[in-house]
C-alpha atoms as a PDB file:
ATOM      1  CA  UNK A   1      -3.413 -13.261  21.481  1.00  0.00           C
ATOM      2  CA  UNK A   2      -0.948 -13.665  24.754  1.00  0.00           C
ATOM      3  CA  UNK A   3      -3.864 -14.337  27.242  1.00  0.00           C
ATOM      4  CA  UNK A   4      -4.005 -17.973  26.416  1.00  0.00           C
ATOM      5  CA  UNK A   5      -0.368 -18.310  26.631  1.00  0.00           C
ATOM      6  CA  UNK A   6       0.649 -16.950  29.979  1.00  0.00           C
ATOM      7  CA  UNK A   7       2.003 -20.421  31.080  1.00  0.00           C
ATOM      8  CA  UNK A   8       4.537 -20.836  28.160  1.00  0.00           C
ATOM      9  CA  UNK A   9       6.806 -18.206  27.588  1.00  0.00           C
ATOM     10  CA  UNK A  10       8.282 -19.869  24.289  1.00  0.00           C
ATOM     11  CA  UNK A  11       5.017 -19.768  22.923  1.00  0.00           C
ATOM     12  CA  UNK A  12       4.606 -16.124  23.757  1.00  0.00           C
ATOM     13  CA  UNK A  13       7.705 -15.491  22.188  1.00  0.00           C
ATOM     14  CA  UNK A  14       7.156 -17.433  18.763  1.00  0.00           C
ATOM     15  CA  UNK A  15       3.357 -15.417  18.868  1.00  0.00           C
ATOM     16  CA  UNK A  16       5.214 -12.052  19.474  1.00  0.00           C
ATOM     17  CA  UNK A  17       7.713 -12.807  16.632  1.00  0.00           C
ATOM     18  CA  UNK A  18       5.375 -14.705  14.051  1.00  0.00           C
ATOM     19  CA  UNK A  19       2.567 -11.942  13.858  1.00  0.00           C
ATOM     20  CA  UNK A  20       4.504  -9.196  12.568  1.00  0.00           C
ATOM     21  CA  UNK A  21       6.675 -11.541  10.244  1.00  0.00           C
ATOM     22  CA  UNK A  22       3.608 -12.910   8.685  1.00  0.00           C
ATOM     23  CA  UNK A  23       1.470  -9.313   8.289  1.00  0.00           C
ATOM     24  CA  UNK A  24       4.817  -8.192   6.521  1.00  0.00           C
ATOM     25  CA  UNK A  25       5.443 -11.168   4.166  1.00  0.00           C
ATOM     26  CA  UNK A  26       1.927 -11.005   3.209  1.00  0.00           C
ATOM     27  CA  UNK A  27       2.265  -7.281   2.319  1.00  0.00           C
ATOM     28  CA  UNK A  28       5.297  -7.758   0.788  1.00  0.00           C
ATOM     29  CA  UNK A  29       3.797 -10.786  -1.255  1.00  0.00           C
ATOM     30  CA  UNK A  30       0.805  -9.768  -2.043  1.00  0.00           C
ATOM     31  CA  UNK A  31       2.086  -5.992  -3.507  1.00  0.00           C
ATOM     32  CA  UNK A  32       4.221  -7.810  -5.443  1.00  0.00           C
ATOM     33  CA  UNK A  33       1.760 -10.484  -7.192  1.00  0.00           C
ATOM     34  CA  UNK A  34      -0.889  -7.985  -7.582  1.00  0.00           C
ATOM     35  CA  UNK A  35       0.921  -4.824  -8.770  1.00  0.00           C
ATOM     36  CA  UNK A  36       4.584  -4.128  -8.627  1.00  0.00           C
ATOM     37  CA  UNK A  37       4.393  -0.374  -9.181  1.00  0.00           C
ATOM     38  CA  UNK A  38       2.881  -0.551  -5.589  1.00  0.00           C
ATOM     39  CA  UNK A  39       5.918  -1.252  -4.140  1.00  0.00           C
ATOM     40  CA  UNK A  40       8.140   1.705  -2.132  1.00  0.00           C
ATOM     41  CA  UNK A  41       6.990   4.804  -1.236  1.00  0.00           C
ATOM     42  CA  UNK A  42       6.018   6.290  -4.269  1.00  0.00           C
ATOM     43  CA  UNK A  43       7.599   9.865  -3.852  1.00  0.00           C
ATOM     44  CA  UNK A  44      10.162   9.383  -6.624  1.00  0.00           C
ATOM     45  CA  UNK A  45       7.781   8.043  -8.965  1.00  0.00           C
ATOM     46  CA  UNK A  46       5.449  10.631  -8.394  1.00  0.00           C
ATOM     47  CA  UNK A  47       8.109  13.394  -8.978  1.00  0.00           C
ATOM     48  CA  UNK A  48       8.768  11.841 -12.087  1.00  0.00           C
ATOM     49  CA  UNK A  49       5.109  12.202 -13.004  1.00  0.00           C
ATOM     50  CA  UNK A  50       5.252  15.677 -12.183  1.00  0.00           C
ATOM     51  CA  UNK A  51       8.013  16.176 -14.565  1.00  0.00           C
ATOM     52  CA  UNK A  52       5.930  14.819 -17.399  1.00  0.00           C
ATOM     53  CA  UNK A  53       7.122  11.318 -17.525  1.00  0.00           C
ATOM     54  CA  UNK A  54       4.023   8.527 -18.249  1.00  0.00           C
ATOM     55  CA  UNK A  55       4.587   5.664 -16.062  1.00  0.00           C
ATOM     56  CA  UNK A  56       2.403   2.745 -17.436  1.00  0.00           C
ATOM     57  CA  UNK A  57      -0.073   1.275 -14.692  1.00  0.00           C
ATOM     58  CA  UNK A  58       1.167   3.549 -12.195  1.00  0.00           C
ATOM     59  CA  UNK A  59      -2.386   5.593 -11.439  1.00  0.00           C
ATOM     60  CA  UNK A  60      -4.500   2.452 -11.823  1.00  0.00           C
ATOM     61  CA  UNK A  61      -7.244   0.609  -9.486  1.00  0.00           C
ATOM     62  CA  UNK A  62      -5.078  -2.233  -9.191  1.00  0.00           C
ATOM     63  CA  UNK A  63      -2.184  -0.467  -7.744  1.00  0.00           C
ATOM     64  CA  UNK A  64      -4.416   1.217  -5.500  1.00  0.00           C
ATOM     65  CA  UNK A  65      -5.723  -1.958  -4.150  1.00  0.00           C
ATOM     66  CA  UNK A  66      -2.014  -3.440  -4.033  1.00  0.00           C
ATOM     67  CA  UNK A  67      -1.040  -0.077  -2.283  1.00  0.00           C
ATOM     68  CA  UNK A  68      -3.949   0.353   0.508  1.00  0.00           C
ATOM     69  CA  UNK A  69      -3.912  -3.650   1.221  1.00  0.00           C
ATOM     70  CA  UNK A  70      -0.029  -3.836   1.575  1.00  0.00           C
ATOM     71  CA  UNK A  71       0.271  -0.577   3.360  1.00  0.00           C
ATOM     72  CA  UNK A  72      -2.807  -1.506   6.097  1.00  0.00           C
ATOM     73  CA  UNK A  73      -0.667  -4.856   6.627  1.00  0.00           C
ATOM     74  CA  UNK A  74       2.543  -3.459   7.307  1.00  0.00           C
ATOM     75  CA  UNK A  75       1.433  -0.397   9.201  1.00  0.00           C
ATOM     76  CA  UNK A  76      -0.647  -3.169  11.037  1.00  0.00           C
ATOM     77  CA  UNK A  77       2.243  -5.652  12.017  1.00  0.00           C
ATOM     78  CA  UNK A  78       3.720  -2.900  14.158  1.00  0.00           C
ATOM     79  CA  UNK A  79       6.919  -2.326  12.502  1.00  0.00           C
ATOM     80  CA  UNK A  80       8.249   1.338  12.686  1.00  0.00           C
ATOM     81  CA  UNK A  81       7.832   2.141   8.886  1.00  0.00           C
ATOM     82  CA  UNK A  82       7.235   5.383   7.276  1.00  0.00           C
ATOM     83  CA  UNK A  83       4.106   6.248   6.200  1.00  0.00           C
ATOM     84  CA  UNK A  84       4.421   9.395   4.337  1.00  0.00           C
ATOM     85  CA  UNK A  85       5.410   8.241   1.020  1.00  0.00           C
ATOM     86  CA  UNK A  86       3.017   5.898   0.620  1.00  0.00           C
ATOM     87  CA  UNK A  87       0.180   8.034   1.794  1.00  0.00           C
ATOM     88  CA  UNK A  88       1.440  10.411  -0.986  1.00  0.00           C
ATOM     89  CA  UNK A  89       0.902   7.853  -3.691  1.00  0.00           C
ATOM     90  CA  UNK A  90      -2.667   6.870  -2.467  1.00  0.00           C
ATOM     91  CA  UNK A  91      -3.770  10.404  -2.701  1.00  0.00           C
ATOM     92  CA  UNK A  92      -2.429  10.690  -6.130  1.00  0.00           C
ATOM     93  CA  UNK A  93      -3.748   7.203  -6.895  1.00  0.00           C
ATOM     94  CA  UNK A  94      -7.127   8.392  -5.607  1.00  0.00           C
ATOM     95  CA  UNK A  95      -6.936  12.240  -7.429  1.00  0.00           C
ATOM     96  CA  UNK A  96      -6.382  10.351 -10.921  1.00  0.00           C
ATOM     97  CA  UNK A  97      -9.005   7.421 -10.197  1.00  0.00           C
ATOM     98  CA  UNK A  98     -11.490  10.283  -9.376  1.00  0.00           C
ATOM     99  CA  UNK A  99     -10.479  12.460 -12.116  1.00  0.00           C
ATOM    100  CA  UNK A 100     -10.737   9.416 -14.641  1.00  0.00           C
ATOM    101  CA  UNK A 101     -14.773   8.620 -12.822  1.00  0.00           C
ATOM    102  CA  UNK A 102     -15.652  12.371 -13.019  1.00  0.00           C
ATOM    103  CA  UNK A 103     -14.443  12.834 -16.709  1.00  0.00           C
ATOM    104  CA  UNK A 104     -16.691   9.645 -17.689  1.00  0.00           C
ATOM    105  CA  UNK A 105     -19.743  10.864 -15.715  1.00  0.00           C
ATOM    106  CA  UNK A 106     -19.664  14.245 -17.101  1.00  0.00           C
ATOM    107  CA  UNK A 107     -18.695  13.464 -20.773  1.00  0.00           C
ATOM    108  CA  UNK A 108     -15.203  14.949 -20.131  1.00  0.00           C
ATOM    109  CA  UNK A 109     -16.700  18.520 -19.871  1.00  0.00           C
ATOM    110  CA  UNK A 110     -13.586  19.459 -17.501  1.00  0.00           C
ATOM    111  CA  UNK A 111     -10.830  18.614 -20.044  1.00  0.00           C
END
């Protein structure tokens, strides 16, 4: 990306700044529009679920898609962001969705 901008330092700086800003803005906007439940780390919400509180729309496929795309863009921007918390949420989303799928396929014999 910077190879064609060797002669102009101002354009190099604008490209260097705008790339992470565009990715972070897309990540935040996409996640907020598609599934607001996917915002944040996910660890406090998972602790709440493990205590027995039912959070609606928190372990759905729509939240999974928003979290994966948002996390991919946020980490791809190069910003020093923590990824352990969001991966806890992604792992619990995978477990919940696989559990629902297996219950549908095998007719609920494991319930």
